[in-house]
Protein backbone atom coordinates (compact mmCIF):
# COMPACT_ATOMS: atom_id res chain seq x y z
CA MET A 1 -96.20 130.98 60.25
CA ASN A 2 -97.02 129.80 56.59
CA ALA A 3 -96.97 125.89 56.49
CA ARG A 4 -95.02 126.26 53.05
CA ALA A 5 -92.39 128.38 54.68
CA PRO A 6 -90.07 125.31 56.38
CA LEU A 7 -90.26 123.32 53.46
CA ALA A 8 -89.60 126.39 51.02
CA ALA A 9 -86.81 127.32 53.23
CA LEU A 10 -85.04 123.86 53.58
CA LEU A 11 -85.35 123.47 49.52
CA LEU A 12 -83.77 126.73 49.56
CA VAL A 13 -80.82 125.90 51.91
CA ILE A 14 -80.06 122.51 50.04
CA ALA A 15 -80.35 124.58 46.90
CA THR A 16 -78.05 127.36 47.93
CA ALA A 17 -75.58 124.87 48.53
CA THR A 18 -75.21 123.27 45.24
CA LEU A 19 -75.79 126.63 43.22
CA ALA A 20 -72.77 128.53 45.02
CA THR A 21 -70.44 126.29 43.01
CA ALA A 22 -72.55 126.25 39.91
CA SER A 23 -70.96 127.86 36.78
CA SER A 24 -71.95 128.23 33.24
CA SER A 25 -70.07 125.11 32.21
CA CYS A 26 -72.80 123.25 34.17
CA TYR A 27 -75.68 123.75 31.44
CA LYS A 28 -74.51 122.21 27.83
CA PHE A 29 -75.83 122.74 24.49
CA TYR A 30 -75.64 120.13 22.00
CA PHE A 31 -76.45 120.85 18.11
CA TYR A 32 -78.00 118.54 15.71
CA ASN A 33 -78.49 118.84 12.07
CA LYS A 34 -79.35 116.66 9.36
CA ASN A 35 -75.45 115.42 9.17
CA ASN A 36 -75.45 114.26 12.70
CA ALA A 37 -79.32 113.56 13.28
CA GLY A 38 -79.13 109.93 13.84
CA GLU A 39 -76.56 110.70 16.62
CA LYS A 40 -77.78 110.51 20.23
CA ARG A 41 -75.67 113.23 21.88
CA GLY A 42 -75.31 116.44 19.27
CA ASN A 43 -71.92 118.53 18.91
CA LEU A 44 -71.06 120.14 22.17
CA ILE A 45 -71.23 124.49 21.90
CA ALA A 46 -68.95 125.92 24.20
CA SER A 47 -69.79 126.82 27.42
CA GLU A 48 -68.21 130.49 26.61
CA PHE A 49 -70.32 131.09 23.80
CA ASP A 50 -68.49 131.60 20.41
CA LYS A 51 -69.90 132.47 17.09
CA GLN A 52 -67.31 130.59 15.28
CA ASP A 53 -67.66 128.21 16.99
CA ILE A 54 -71.50 127.61 16.81
CA LEU A 55 -71.20 127.69 13.43
CA ASP A 56 -68.58 125.18 13.07
CA ALA A 57 -70.95 122.89 14.90
CA GLY A 58 -73.22 123.15 11.66
CA TYR A 59 -75.89 125.52 12.67
CA ASP A 60 -77.46 127.15 9.71
CA PRO A 61 -78.83 131.03 10.56
CA ALA A 62 -81.28 130.45 7.41
CA LEU A 63 -82.86 127.80 9.15
CA PRO A 64 -85.75 127.28 11.95
CA THR A 65 -84.31 126.49 15.52
CA LYS A 66 -85.80 124.01 18.11
CA VAL A 67 -84.52 124.10 21.64
CA LEU A 68 -85.67 120.74 23.03
CA ILE A 69 -85.92 121.24 27.03
CA HIS A 70 -85.82 117.79 29.15
CA GLY A 71 -87.36 117.80 32.63
CA PHE A 72 -86.46 115.58 35.85
CA LEU A 73 -84.38 112.75 35.71
CA ASN A 74 -83.96 113.26 32.25
CA ASP A 75 -81.10 115.19 30.23
CA ASP A 76 -80.14 115.70 26.54
CA THR A 77 -80.06 111.67 25.87
CA SER A 78 -83.12 110.84 27.18
CA ALA A 79 -86.44 109.96 25.20
CA ALA A 80 -88.47 113.39 25.89
CA VAL A 81 -85.27 114.55 23.84
CA GLN A 82 -84.83 112.23 21.31
CA VAL A 83 -88.06 111.27 20.37
CA LEU A 84 -88.82 114.63 19.33
CA LYS A 85 -85.65 115.50 17.83
CA ASN A 86 -85.95 112.39 15.47
CA ALA A 87 -89.12 113.50 14.91
CA TYR A 88 -88.10 116.87 13.42
CA PHE A 89 -85.38 115.62 11.25
CA GLU A 90 -88.02 112.90 9.56
CA ALA A 91 -90.54 115.40 8.82
CA ASP A 92 -88.18 118.02 7.53
CA PRO A 93 -84.40 117.82 7.67
CA SER A 94 -84.04 121.56 7.15
CA VAL A 95 -83.90 122.88 10.88
CA ASN A 96 -81.58 123.27 13.51
CA VAL A 97 -82.20 121.39 16.66
CA ILE A 98 -80.65 122.32 19.98
CA ALA A 99 -80.83 120.19 22.88
CA PHE A 100 -80.40 122.07 26.39
CA ASN A 101 -78.73 119.82 29.36
CA TRP A 102 -79.49 121.70 32.50
CA ASP A 103 -79.11 119.22 35.33
CA ASN A 104 -77.41 115.85 36.42
CA LYS A 105 -80.01 113.25 35.68
CA MET A 106 -78.87 111.02 38.58
CA ASN A 107 -79.70 113.63 40.98
CA PRO A 108 -82.78 112.18 42.51
CA ILE A 109 -84.13 115.35 44.70
CA TYR A 110 -87.06 116.72 42.79
CA GLY A 111 -87.28 119.85 44.98
CA MET A 112 -83.35 121.04 44.32
CA TRP A 113 -84.25 120.41 40.24
CA VAL A 114 -87.25 123.04 41.04
CA LEU A 115 -85.11 125.68 42.49
CA LYS A 116 -82.44 125.18 39.48
CA VAL A 117 -85.02 126.34 36.87
CA ALA A 118 -84.71 129.87 37.10
CA GLY A 119 -80.70 129.56 36.82
CA ALA A 120 -81.29 127.00 34.01
CA GLY A 121 -83.69 129.61 32.18
CA GLN A 122 -81.50 132.46 32.58
CA ARG A 123 -78.73 130.70 30.90
CA LEU A 124 -80.79 129.82 28.09
CA ALA A 125 -81.79 133.38 27.75
CA ASP A 126 -77.99 134.37 27.71
CA LEU A 127 -77.64 131.97 24.52
CA VAL A 128 -80.26 133.29 22.91
CA ASP A 129 -79.48 137.04 23.41
CA PHE A 130 -75.85 136.16 21.99
CA MET A 131 -77.07 134.54 19.09
CA VAL A 132 -79.46 137.05 18.16
CA GLU A 133 -76.98 139.79 18.88
CA ASN A 134 -74.33 138.08 16.61
CA GLU A 135 -77.00 137.66 14.01
CA LEU A 136 -77.06 134.06 14.32
CA LEU A 137 -80.67 133.94 15.29
CA LYS A 138 -83.86 135.63 14.38
CA LEU A 139 -86.49 135.18 17.42
CA ASP A 140 -89.40 134.55 14.93
CA GLN A 141 -87.47 131.54 14.14
CA LEU A 142 -87.06 130.02 17.30
CA HIS A 143 -89.25 127.66 19.25
CA LEU A 144 -88.70 126.65 22.60
CA VAL A 145 -90.15 122.82 23.25
CA GLY A 146 -90.09 121.91 27.41
CA HIS A 147 -91.43 118.47 28.69
CA SER A 148 -92.15 118.87 32.43
CA LEU A 149 -90.03 121.00 34.08
CA GLY A 150 -88.44 122.08 30.88
CA ALA A 151 -91.43 123.73 30.28
CA HIS A 152 -90.89 126.24 33.03
CA VAL A 153 -87.20 126.45 32.32
CA ALA A 154 -88.39 127.73 28.79
CA ALA A 155 -90.75 130.33 30.69
CA VAL A 156 -87.94 131.74 32.73
CA ALA A 157 -85.81 132.09 29.24
CA GLY A 158 -88.76 134.12 27.84
CA GLU A 159 -89.22 136.29 30.61
CA ARG A 160 -85.35 137.33 30.69
CA LEU A 161 -84.71 137.64 27.51
CA THR A 162 -83.25 140.99 26.36
CA SER A 163 -82.88 140.74 22.75
CA GLY A 164 -86.76 140.86 22.06
CA ARG A 165 -89.87 138.69 22.67
CA LEU A 166 -89.86 135.10 22.04
CA ALA A 167 -92.06 133.86 19.20
CA ARG A 168 -93.00 130.39 20.76
CA ILE A 169 -93.09 128.15 23.47
CA THR A 170 -94.62 124.83 23.68
CA GLY A 171 -95.15 123.16 27.10
CA LEU A 172 -95.52 119.31 27.38
CA ASP A 173 -97.13 118.52 30.36
CA ALA A 174 -95.46 121.24 32.05
CA ALA A 175 -94.67 120.13 35.94
CA GLY A 176 -97.14 120.47 38.71
CA PRO A 177 -95.51 119.49 41.94
CA LEU A 178 -93.79 122.09 44.40
CA ILE A 179 -94.53 124.39 41.19
CA ASN A 180 -97.33 126.38 42.81
CA PHE A 181 -96.61 124.87 46.22
CA PHE A 182 -93.92 127.79 46.94
CA PHE A 183 -91.79 130.71 45.03
CA LEU A 184 -90.86 129.72 41.80
CA ASP A 185 -89.21 132.60 39.47
CA GLY A 186 -90.77 131.88 36.19
CA ARG A 187 -93.66 129.94 36.04
CA LEU A 188 -94.89 128.60 32.33
CA SER A 189 -97.53 131.20 31.31
CA LYS A 190 -98.82 132.87 28.27
CA ASP A 191 -96.91 136.15 28.87
CA ASP A 192 -93.46 134.32 28.27
CA ALA A 193 -94.16 134.22 24.49
CA ASP A 194 -96.14 135.51 21.43
CA LEU A 195 -97.54 132.11 21.43
CA VAL A 196 -98.01 129.63 24.19
CA ASP A 197 -99.40 125.95 23.58
CA VAL A 198 -99.65 123.31 26.28
CA ILE A 199 -100.22 119.74 26.04
CA HIS A 200 -101.88 118.04 29.46
CA THR A 201 -101.43 114.70 29.88
CA ASN A 202 -100.87 113.88 33.49
CA GLY A 203 -102.60 116.97 35.10
CA GLY A 204 -102.62 116.58 38.99
CA GLY A 205 -100.09 114.00 38.93
CA LEU A 206 -96.55 115.00 37.57
CA GLY A 207 -98.33 117.86 35.21
CA ALA A 208 -100.04 121.03 36.10
CA VAL A 209 -103.61 120.70 35.30
CA HIS A 210 -104.79 124.48 35.14
CA ALA A 211 -104.66 126.00 31.95
CA VAL A 212 -101.72 128.24 31.58
CA GLY A 213 -101.12 129.36 27.59
CA HIS A 214 -102.86 130.98 24.83
CA VAL A 215 -104.14 127.27 23.94
CA ASP A 216 -104.20 124.54 26.35
CA PHE A 217 -104.82 120.98 25.25
CA TYR A 218 -106.03 118.04 27.36
CA PRO A 219 -106.20 114.87 25.44
CA ASN A 220 -108.36 112.12 27.06
CA GLY A 221 -109.19 114.78 29.71
CA GLY A 222 -105.53 115.35 30.43
CA VAL A 223 -105.14 112.99 33.59
CA MET A 224 -104.43 109.85 32.65
CA GLN A 225 -103.90 108.41 28.89
CA PRO A 226 -105.13 105.52 27.68
CA GLY A 227 -102.72 102.72 27.36
CA CYS A 228 -100.65 103.22 30.48
CA ARG A 229 -102.14 100.67 32.98
CA TRP A 230 -100.76 100.45 36.65
CA ASP A 231 -99.45 104.12 36.05
CA MET A 232 -98.83 104.45 40.13
CA SER A 233 -96.34 107.14 39.57
CA GLY A 234 -97.71 108.54 36.43
CA SER A 235 -94.79 108.64 34.10
CA CYS A 236 -96.43 107.11 31.76
CA SER A 237 -99.01 109.12 31.12
CA HIS A 238 -96.55 112.33 31.98
CA GLY A 239 -94.36 111.28 28.99
CA ARG A 240 -97.13 110.65 26.60
CA SER A 241 -97.02 114.42 25.70
CA TYR A 242 -93.90 114.52 24.02
CA GLN A 243 -95.27 111.01 22.38
CA LEU A 244 -98.39 113.02 20.87
CA MET A 245 -96.30 116.08 19.92
CA ALA A 246 -93.46 113.75 18.07
CA GLU A 247 -96.73 112.26 16.23
CA SER A 248 -98.19 115.76 15.30
CA ILE A 249 -94.61 116.76 13.92
CA VAL A 250 -94.56 114.28 11.22
CA ASP A 251 -98.53 114.47 10.84
CA PRO A 252 -99.67 117.77 11.96
CA LYS A 253 -103.25 117.32 11.18
CA ALA A 254 -103.16 114.05 13.77
CA PHE A 255 -105.06 115.52 16.53
CA GLN A 256 -108.42 117.50 16.31
CA ALA A 257 -109.40 119.10 19.44
CA TRP A 258 -112.68 120.64 20.73
CA LYS A 259 -113.46 123.47 22.54
CA CYS A 260 -114.48 123.49 26.35
CA GLY A 261 -115.81 126.43 28.53
CA ASP A 262 -112.93 125.86 30.82
CA ASN A 263 -110.29 123.45 31.51
CA LYS A 264 -112.25 121.91 34.22
CA ASP A 265 -114.95 121.12 31.58
CA ALA A 266 -112.11 119.81 29.26
CA VAL A 267 -110.64 117.62 32.22
CA HIS A 268 -114.66 115.98 32.65
CA ARG A 269 -115.05 115.76 29.13
CA ARG A 270 -118.12 118.26 28.90
CA CYS A 271 -117.76 119.90 25.84
CA SER A 272 -120.90 118.58 24.15
CA ASN A 273 -122.34 121.53 22.42
CA SER A 274 -118.62 122.82 21.03
CA LYS A 275 -118.19 123.71 17.45
CA VAL A 276 -115.07 125.26 17.56
CA TYR A 277 -111.97 123.13 16.83
CA ALA A 278 -108.22 123.53 16.90
CA PHE A 279 -105.50 121.00 15.90
CA MET A 280 -102.76 120.21 18.54
CA GLY A 281 -99.35 119.94 17.93
CA GLU A 282 -96.23 121.07 16.05
CA LYS A 283 -98.59 123.12 13.42
CA VAL A 284 -100.83 123.96 16.21
CA ASP A 285 -104.25 125.99 14.54
CA PHE A 286 -106.67 127.43 16.60
CA SER A 287 -109.31 130.56 16.27
CA GLU A 288 -110.13 130.82 19.72
CA GLU A 289 -108.11 130.93 22.62
CA GLY A 290 -108.86 128.60 25.77
CA SER A 291 -109.17 124.71 26.54
CA TYR A 292 -109.54 121.90 24.11
CA TYR A 293 -110.54 118.19 24.33
CA LEU A 294 -109.39 115.51 22.52
CA GLU A 295 -109.37 111.54 22.09
CA THR A 296 -106.56 109.52 21.46
CA LYS A 297 -105.75 105.90 20.92
CA GLY A 298 -104.27 103.97 23.95
CA GLY A 299 -100.62 101.78 23.36
CA LEU A 300 -97.59 102.87 24.41
CA ASN A 301 -96.04 103.32 21.08
CA GLY A 302 -98.78 104.84 19.05
CA PRO A 303 -99.83 105.82 16.37
CA PHE A 304 -102.19 107.79 18.59
CA SER A 305 -104.27 109.45 16.19
CA ARG A 306 -108.10 109.02 16.63
CA ALA A 307 -110.41 110.11 14.13
CA ILE A 308 -113.07 112.60 15.73
CA ASP A 309 -115.91 110.83 13.95
CA THR A 310 -115.13 107.87 16.39
CA TYR A 311 -116.00 109.25 19.49
CA SER A 312 -118.27 111.48 21.59
CA LEU A 313 -117.78 114.81 23.09
CA PHE A 314 -120.25 114.00 25.91
């Protein structure tokens, strides 16, 4: 018997019992625009999707839309969502932001969260399809941004859309534990959108270290982040991904990176002969797909941008 089978079976039983009572009302979408950007929780979109309800929430079909998706032990009010939301409105108030709350942050069982990813991704796909079909949204104006397990929720949504293909998914330290250990419907990959860009900050810990996107960035090697001392759980390094993304929203040229041979070279900082560079983050800009390395400053709150001429590519 496969050694993974007992664990997978146990998690499946637990998740099945939980999901049996799940309904569309378990998933909540909160909307922000420039008028309520300062609120911690946005306007709730009804679980039975309605065009007028979405418009009444303040949604503007003419503006680009960002969907922010939290990870394990988080929800729409957690830092990963709030920091990104605030950065978007600081950079340009002409934007729609939707925060997707897809699980109870008080649920401590990680395996159950993993097995809820597929259902959450399907619900997000349902909303996007509804908005496209009702002329509220054009897919080339949509950007999904997922932290941790939220990156895989975005992947499922991209796979299951019936109205077309996603323009972009950004994975912020896409979750690693259990994702490759047993079956998961919809692991993040570059097949999920026209552009999939990934920022790795705790690879091999809470995040995945392998390259999965069109372009994968490995700040400081992508495993441990400067300033995260005594980070035994990895949560500080894991969270650095959304902090870097937020800084890039406000300063699009903050993080210049250099291309490596592959993700292993990026992790081990072996990119000395690189002459190909890219910019990481919101305005991601690259000429070649692949894995990229950069260094940042330490500290806990930034700014993290570091001029590329202040360090060596080894």
